[in-house]
Amino acid sequence: MRFHPLTVADVRWETDDTVSVSFLVPDGLKDEFGFTQGQHLTLRREFDGKEVRRSYSICTSVYED
């Protein structure tokens, strides 16, 4: 599994416990970030010196840019 640093473009609360996050994907990585419906992605972040990973569902159309 490879990780790439991305910039968060938008965060939108859908419900009290559901959030949609949009990322800016550099042109050079757009092909690598292609997906098929039903896939998920794993985000990682360090908190208090420990790496935390979470998996999230992709909730956009494969036809959106």
PDB file of N, CA and C in Angstrom:
ATOM      1  N   MET A   1       0.847  -1.174   0.000  1.00  0.00           N
ATOM      2  CA  MET A   1       0.000   0.000   0.000  1.00  0.00           C
ATOM      3  C   MET A   1       0.891   1.234   0.000  1.00  0.00           C
ATOM      4  N   ARG A   2       0.583   2.171  -0.889  1.00  0.00           N
ATOM      5  CA  ARG A   2       1.327   3.435  -0.942  1.00  0.00           C
ATOM      6  C   ARG A   2       0.434   4.572  -0.476  1.00  0.00           C
ATOM      7  N   PHE A   3       1.041   5.511   0.196  1.00  0.00           N
ATOM      8  CA  PHE A   3       0.320   6.693   0.670  1.00  0.00           C
ATOM      9  C   PHE A   3       0.887   7.928  -0.011  1.00  0.00           C
ATOM     10  N   HIS A   4       0.027   8.905  -0.259  1.00  0.00           N
ATOM     11  CA  HIS A   4       0.426  10.174  -0.857  1.00  0.00           C
ATOM     12  C   HIS A   4      -0.144  11.310  -0.017  1.00  0.00           C
ATOM     13  N   PRO A   5       0.653  12.338   0.261  1.00  0.00           N
ATOM     14  CA  PRO A   5       0.089  13.487   0.979  1.00  0.00           C
ATOM     15  C   PRO A   5      -0.847  14.262   0.052  1.00  0.00           C
ATOM     16  N   LEU A   6      -2.036  14.557   0.536  1.00  0.00           N
ATOM     17  CA  LEU A   6      -3.021  15.318  -0.233  1.00  0.00           C
ATOM     18  C   LEU A   6      -3.528  16.483   0.606  1.00  0.00           C
ATOM     19  N   THR A   7      -4.010  17.492  -0.078  1.00  0.00           N
ATOM     20  CA  THR A   7      -4.594  18.652   0.582  1.00  0.00           C
ATOM     21  C   THR A   7      -6.106  18.477   0.652  1.00  0.00           C
ATOM     22  N   VAL A   8      -6.682  18.759   1.812  1.00  0.00           N
ATOM     23  CA  VAL A   8      -8.138  18.715   1.964  1.00  0.00           C
ATOM     24  C   VAL A   8      -8.716  19.959   1.295  1.00  0.00           C
ATOM     25  N   ALA A   9      -9.625  19.743   0.343  1.00  0.00           N
ATOM     26  CA  ALA A   9     -10.249  20.851  -0.385  1.00  0.00           C
ATOM     27  C   ALA A   9     -11.545  21.307   0.272  1.00  0.00           C
ATOM     28  N   ASP A  10     -12.273  20.351   0.877  1.00  0.00           N
ATOM     29  CA  ASP A  10     -13.575  20.692   1.446  1.00  0.00           C
ATOM     30  C   ASP A  10     -13.985  19.634   2.458  1.00  0.00           C
ATOM     31  N   VAL A  11     -14.656  20.065   3.510  1.00  0.00           N
ATOM     32  CA  VAL A  11     -15.245  19.166   4.501  1.00  0.00           C
ATOM     33  C   VAL A  11     -16.697  19.582   4.659  1.00  0.00           C
ATOM     34  N   ARG A  12     -17.590  18.620   4.472  1.00  0.00           N
ATOM     35  CA  ARG A  12     -19.020  18.930   4.544  1.00  0.00           C
ATOM     36  C   ARG A  12     -19.709  17.916   5.465  1.00  0.00           C
ATOM     37  N   TRP A  13     -20.339  18.401   6.519  1.00  0.00           N
ATOM     38  CA  TRP A  13     -21.092  17.533   7.420  1.00  0.00           C
ATOM     39  C   TRP A  13     -22.417  17.176   6.762  1.00  0.00           C
ATOM     40  N   GLU A  14     -22.658  15.882   6.579  1.00  0.00           N
ATOM     41  CA  GLU A  14     -23.894  15.399   5.962  1.00  0.00           C
ATOM     42  C   GLU A  14     -24.966  15.139   7.026  1.00  0.00           C
ATOM     43  N   THR A  15     -24.550  14.557   8.162  1.00  0.00           N
ATOM     44  CA  THR A  15     -25.416  14.313   9.317  1.00  0.00           C
ATOM     45  C   THR A  15     -24.576  14.568  10.561  1.00  0.00           C
ATOM     46  N   ASP A  16     -25.138  14.308  11.736  1.00  0.00           N
ATOM     47  CA  ASP A  16     -24.393  14.521  12.980  1.00  0.00           C
ATOM     48  C   ASP A  16     -23.146  13.649  13.080  1.00  0.00           C
ATOM     49  N   ASP A  17     -23.150  12.490  12.397  1.00  0.00           N
ATOM     50  CA  ASP A  17     -21.996  11.593  12.497  1.00  0.00           C
ATOM     51  C   ASP A  17     -21.445  11.146  11.144  1.00  0.00           C
ATOM     52  N   THR A  18     -21.760  11.911  10.096  1.00  0.00           N
ATOM     53  CA  THR A  18     -21.269  11.586   8.755  1.00  0.00           C
ATOM     54  C   THR A  18     -20.700  12.837   8.107  1.00  0.00           C
ATOM     55  N   VAL A  19     -19.500  12.696   7.558  1.00  0.00           N
ATOM     56  CA  VAL A  19     -18.837  13.833   6.934  1.00  0.00           C
ATOM     57  C   VAL A  19     -18.330  13.426   5.551  1.00  0.00           C
ATOM     58  N   SER A  20     -18.401  14.339   4.607  1.00  0.00           N
ATOM     59  CA  SER A  20     -17.803  14.140   3.281  1.00  0.00           C
ATOM     60  C   SER A  20     -16.554  15.004   3.205  1.00  0.00           C
ATOM     61  N   VAL A  21     -15.473  14.412   2.749  1.00  0.00           N
ATOM     62  CA  VAL A  21     -14.200  15.116   2.627  1.00  0.00           C
ATOM     63  C   VAL A  21     -13.764  15.057   1.173  1.00  0.00           C
ATOM     64  N   SER A  22     -13.415  16.202   0.608  1.00  0.00           N
ATOM     65  CA  SER A  22     -12.890  16.268  -0.759  1.00  0.00           C
ATOM     66  C   SER A  22     -11.411  16.611  -0.692  1.00  0.00           C
ATOM     67  N   PHE A  23     -10.636  15.989  -1.575  1.00  0.00           N
ATOM     68  CA  PHE A  23      -9.196  16.209  -1.614  1.00  0.00           C
ATOM     69  C   PHE A  23      -8.780  16.810  -2.947  1.00  0.00           C
ATOM     70  N   LEU A  24      -7.718  17.594  -2.930  1.00  0.00           N
ATOM     71  CA  LEU A  24      -7.089  18.074  -4.161  1.00  0.00           C
ATOM     72  C   LEU A  24      -6.059  17.028  -4.567  1.00  0.00           C
ATOM     73  N   VAL A  25      -6.270  16.423  -5.721  1.00  0.00           N
ATOM     74  CA  VAL A  25      -5.342  15.406  -6.223  1.00  0.00           C
ATOM     75  C   VAL A  25      -4.519  16.040  -7.336  1.00  0.00           C
ATOM     76  N   PRO A  26      -3.187  16.062  -7.199  1.00  0.00           N
ATOM     77  CA  PRO A  26      -2.341  16.646  -8.239  1.00  0.00           C
ATOM     78  C   PRO A  26      -2.535  15.929  -9.579  1.00  0.00           C
ATOM     79  N   ASP A  27      -2.414  16.679 -10.673  1.00  0.00           N
ATOM     80  CA  ASP A  27      -2.591  16.099 -12.008  1.00  0.00           C
ATOM     81  C   ASP A  27      -1.742  14.854 -12.209  1.00  0.00           C
ATOM     82  N   GLY A  28      -0.528  14.837 -11.693  1.00  0.00           N
ATOM     83  CA  GLY A  28       0.364  13.696 -11.867  1.00  0.00           C
ATOM     84  C   GLY A  28      -0.084  12.435 -11.148  1.00  0.00           C
ATOM     85  N   LEU A  29      -1.064  12.545 -10.266  1.00  0.00           N
ATOM     86  CA  LEU A  29      -1.557  11.384  -9.513  1.00  0.00           C
ATOM     87  C   LEU A  29      -2.990  11.001  -9.874  1.00  0.00           C
ATOM     88  N   LYS A  30      -3.623  11.740 -10.781  1.00  0.00           N
ATOM     89  CA  LYS A  30      -5.038  11.484 -11.091  1.00  0.00           C
ATOM     90  C   LYS A  30      -5.280  10.056 -11.568  1.00  0.00           C
ATOM     91  N   ASP A  31      -4.403   9.510 -12.405  1.00  0.00           N
ATOM     92  CA  ASP A  31      -4.575   8.132 -12.867  1.00  0.00           C
ATOM     93  C   ASP A  31      -4.457   7.147 -11.712  1.00  0.00           C
ATOM     94  N   GLU A  32      -3.550   7.417 -10.794  1.00  0.00           N
ATOM     95  CA  GLU A  32      -3.348   6.528  -9.652  1.00  0.00           C
ATOM     96  C   GLU A  32      -4.547   6.553  -8.700  1.00  0.00           C
ATOM     97  N   PHE A  33      -5.298   7.647  -8.704  1.00  0.00           N
ATOM     98  CA  PHE A  33      -6.448   7.769  -7.820  1.00  0.00           C
ATOM     99  C   PHE A  33      -7.757   7.406  -8.506  1.00  0.00           C
ATOM    100  N   GLY A  34      -7.685   6.796  -9.685  1.00  0.00           N
ATOM    101  CA  GLY A  34      -8.892   6.288 -10.318  1.00  0.00           C
ATOM    102  C   GLY A  34      -9.451   5.154  -9.465  1.00  0.00           C
ATOM    103  N   PHE A  35     -10.751   4.906  -9.527  1.00  0.00           N
ATOM    104  CA  PHE A  35     -11.346   3.868  -8.690  1.00  0.00           C
ATOM    105  C   PHE A  35     -12.569   3.287  -9.371  1.00  0.00           C
ATOM    106  N   THR A  36     -13.015   2.154  -8.858  1.00  0.00           N
ATOM    107  CA  THR A  36     -14.270   1.570  -9.295  1.00  0.00           C
ATOM    108  C   THR A  36     -15.245   1.631  -8.128  1.00  0.00           C
ATOM    109  N   GLN A  37     -16.519   1.600  -8.439  1.00  0.00           N
ATOM    110  CA  GLN A  37     -17.537   1.691  -7.391  1.00  0.00           C
ATOM    111  C   GLN A  37     -17.353   0.573  -6.376  1.00  0.00           C
ATOM    112  N   GLY A  38     -17.564   0.910  -5.104  1.00  0.00           N
ATOM    113  CA  GLY A  38     -17.435  -0.070  -4.036  1.00  0.00           C
ATOM    114  C   GLY A  38     -16.074  -0.082  -3.367  1.00  0.00           C
ATOM    115  N   GLN A  39     -15.098   0.597  -3.950  1.00  0.00           N
ATOM    116  CA  GLN A  39     -13.772   0.640  -3.336  1.00  0.00           C
ATOM    117  C   GLN A  39     -13.765   1.587  -2.145  1.00  0.00           C
ATOM    118  N   HIS A  40     -12.727   1.462  -1.350  1.00  0.00           N
ATOM    119  CA  HIS A  40     -12.522   2.363  -0.215  1.00  0.00           C
ATOM    120  C   HIS A  40     -11.090   2.860  -0.259  1.00  0.00           C
ATOM    121  N   LEU A  41     -10.778   3.807   0.594  1.00  0.00           N
ATOM    122  CA  LEU A  41      -9.397   4.262   0.713  1.00  0.00           C
ATOM    123  C   LEU A  41      -9.028   4.310   2.185  1.00  0.00           C
ATOM    124  N   THR A  42      -7.747   4.246   2.436  1.00  0.00           N
ATOM    125  CA  THR A  42      -7.241   4.269   3.805  1.00  0.00           C
ATOM    126  C   THR A  42      -6.458   5.553   4.019  1.00  0.00           C
ATOM    127  N   LEU A  43      -6.826   6.274   5.054  1.00  0.00           N
ATOM    128  CA  LEU A  43      -6.106   7.488   5.434  1.00  0.00           C
ATOM    129  C   LEU A  43      -5.270   7.178   6.659  1.00  0.00           C
ATOM    130  N   ARG A  44      -4.123   7.822   6.741  1.00  0.00           N
ATOM    131  CA  ARG A  44      -3.305   7.646   7.941  1.00  0.00           C
ATOM    132  C   ARG A  44      -2.862   9.004   8.446  1.00  0.00           C
ATOM    133  N   ARG A  45      -2.696   9.059   9.742  1.00  0.00           N
ATOM    134  CA  ARG A  45      -2.286  10.295  10.406  1.00  0.00           C
ATOM    135  C   ARG A  45      -1.613   9.912  11.712  1.00  0.00           C
ATOM    136  N   GLU A  46      -0.681  10.723  12.155  1.00  0.00           N
ATOM    137  CA  GLU A  46      -0.036  10.461  13.431  1.00  0.00           C
ATOM    138  C   GLU A  46      -0.676  11.320  14.516  1.00  0.00           C
ATOM    139  N   PHE A  47      -1.061  10.680  15.620  1.00  0.00           N
ATOM    140  CA  PHE A  47      -1.624  11.349  16.788  1.00  0.00           C
ATOM    141  C   PHE A  47      -0.874  10.884  18.021  1.00  0.00           C
ATOM    142  N   ASP A  48      -0.380  11.821  18.786  1.00  0.00           N
ATOM    143  CA  ASP A  48       0.345  11.500  20.023  1.00  0.00           C
ATOM    144  C   ASP A  48       1.456  10.485  19.785  1.00  0.00           C
ATOM    145  N   GLY A  49       2.151  10.623  18.651  1.00  0.00           N
ATOM    146  CA  GLY A  49       3.279   9.755  18.351  1.00  0.00           C
ATOM    147  C   GLY A  49       2.913   8.375  17.832  1.00  0.00           C
ATOM    148  N   LYS A  50       1.632   8.108  17.608  1.00  0.00           N
ATOM    149  CA  LYS A  50       1.194   6.804  17.106  1.00  0.00           C
ATOM    150  C   LYS A  50       0.472   6.980  15.779  1.00  0.00           C
ATOM    151  N   GLU A  51       0.770   6.073  14.841  1.00  0.00           N
ATOM    152  CA  GLU A  51       0.094   6.116  13.550  1.00  0.00           C
ATOM    153  C   GLU A  51      -1.309   5.534  13.678  1.00  0.00           C
ATOM    154  N   VAL A  52      -2.279   6.266  13.155  1.00  0.00           N
ATOM    155  CA  VAL A  52      -3.674   5.828  13.158  1.00  0.00           C
ATOM    156  C   VAL A  52      -4.117   5.719  11.706  1.00  0.00           C
ATOM    157  N   ARG A  53      -4.740   4.591  11.362  1.00  0.00           N
ATOM    158  CA  ARG A  53      -5.271   4.387  10.010  1.00  0.00           C
ATOM    159  C   ARG A  53      -6.766   4.156  10.092  1.00  0.00           C
ATOM    160  N   ARG A  54      -7.477   4.720   9.127  1.00  0.00           N
ATOM    161  CA  ARG A  54      -8.923   4.534   9.038  1.00  0.00           C
ATOM    162  C   ARG A  54      -9.292   4.329   7.572  1.00  0.00           C
ATOM    163  N   SER A  55     -10.236   3.437   7.333  1.00  0.00           N
ATOM    164  CA  SER A  55     -10.738   3.194   5.984  1.00  0.00           C
ATOM    165  C   SER A  55     -12.050   3.938   5.793  1.00  0.00           C
ATOM    166  N   TYR A  56     -12.216   4.502   4.605  1.00  0.00           N
ATOM    167  CA  TYR A  56     -13.408   5.281   4.289  1.00  0.00           C
ATOM    168  C   TYR A  56     -13.948   4.879   2.925  1.00  0.00           C
ATOM    169  N   SER A  57     -15.262   4.901   2.797  1.00  0.00           N
ATOM    170  CA  SER A  57     -15.911   4.614   1.522  1.00  0.00           C
ATOM    171  C   SER A  57     -15.799   5.819   0.602  1.00  0.00           C
ATOM    172  N   ILE A  58     -15.657   5.552  -0.680  1.00  0.00           N
ATOM    173  CA  ILE A  58     -15.658   6.612  -1.686  1.00  0.00           C
ATOM    174  C   ILE A  58     -17.112   6.832  -2.090  1.00  0.00           C
ATOM    175  N   CYS A  59     -17.574   8.068  -2.001  1.00  0.00           N
ATOM    176  CA  CYS A  59     -19.001   8.336  -2.261  1.00  0.00           C
ATOM    177  C   CYS A  59     -19.185   9.367  -3.367  1.00  0.00           C
ATOM    178  N   THR A  60     -18.457   9.191  -4.437  1.00  0.00           N
ATOM    179  CA  THR A  60     -18.613  10.054  -5.599  1.00  0.00           C
ATOM    180  C   THR A  60     -18.733   9.172  -6.832  1.00  0.00           C
ATOM    181  N   SER A  61     -19.220   9.724  -7.886  1.00  0.00           N
ATOM    182  CA  SER A  61     -19.329   8.985  -9.131  1.00  0.00           C
ATOM    183  C   SER A  61     -17.953   8.798  -9.750  1.00  0.00           C
ATOM    184  N   VAL A  62     -17.747   7.659 -10.404  1.00  0.00           N
ATOM    185  CA  VAL A  62     -16.482   7.437 -11.106  1.00  0.00           C
ATOM    186  C   VAL A  62     -16.337   8.402 -12.274  1.00  0.00           C
ATOM    187  N   TYR A  63     -17.426   9.082 -12.647  1.00  0.00           N
ATOM    188  CA  TYR A  63     -17.401  10.014 -13.771  1.00  0.00           C
ATOM    189  C   TYR A  63     -17.117  11.447 -13.357  1.00  0.00           C
ATOM    190  N   GLU A  64     -17.107  11.727 -12.045  1.00  0.00           N
ATOM    191  CA  GLU A  64     -16.796  13.080 -11.578  1.00  0.00           C
ATOM    192  C   GLU A  64     -15.306  13.300 -11.612  1.00  0.00           C
ATOM    193  N   ASP A  65     -14.895  14.536 -11.821  1.00  0.00           N
ATOM    194  CA  ASP A  65     -13.469  14.870 -11.837  1.00  0.00           C
ATOM    195  C   ASP A  65     -13.058  15.401 -10.491  1.00  0.00           C
TER     196      ASP A  65
END
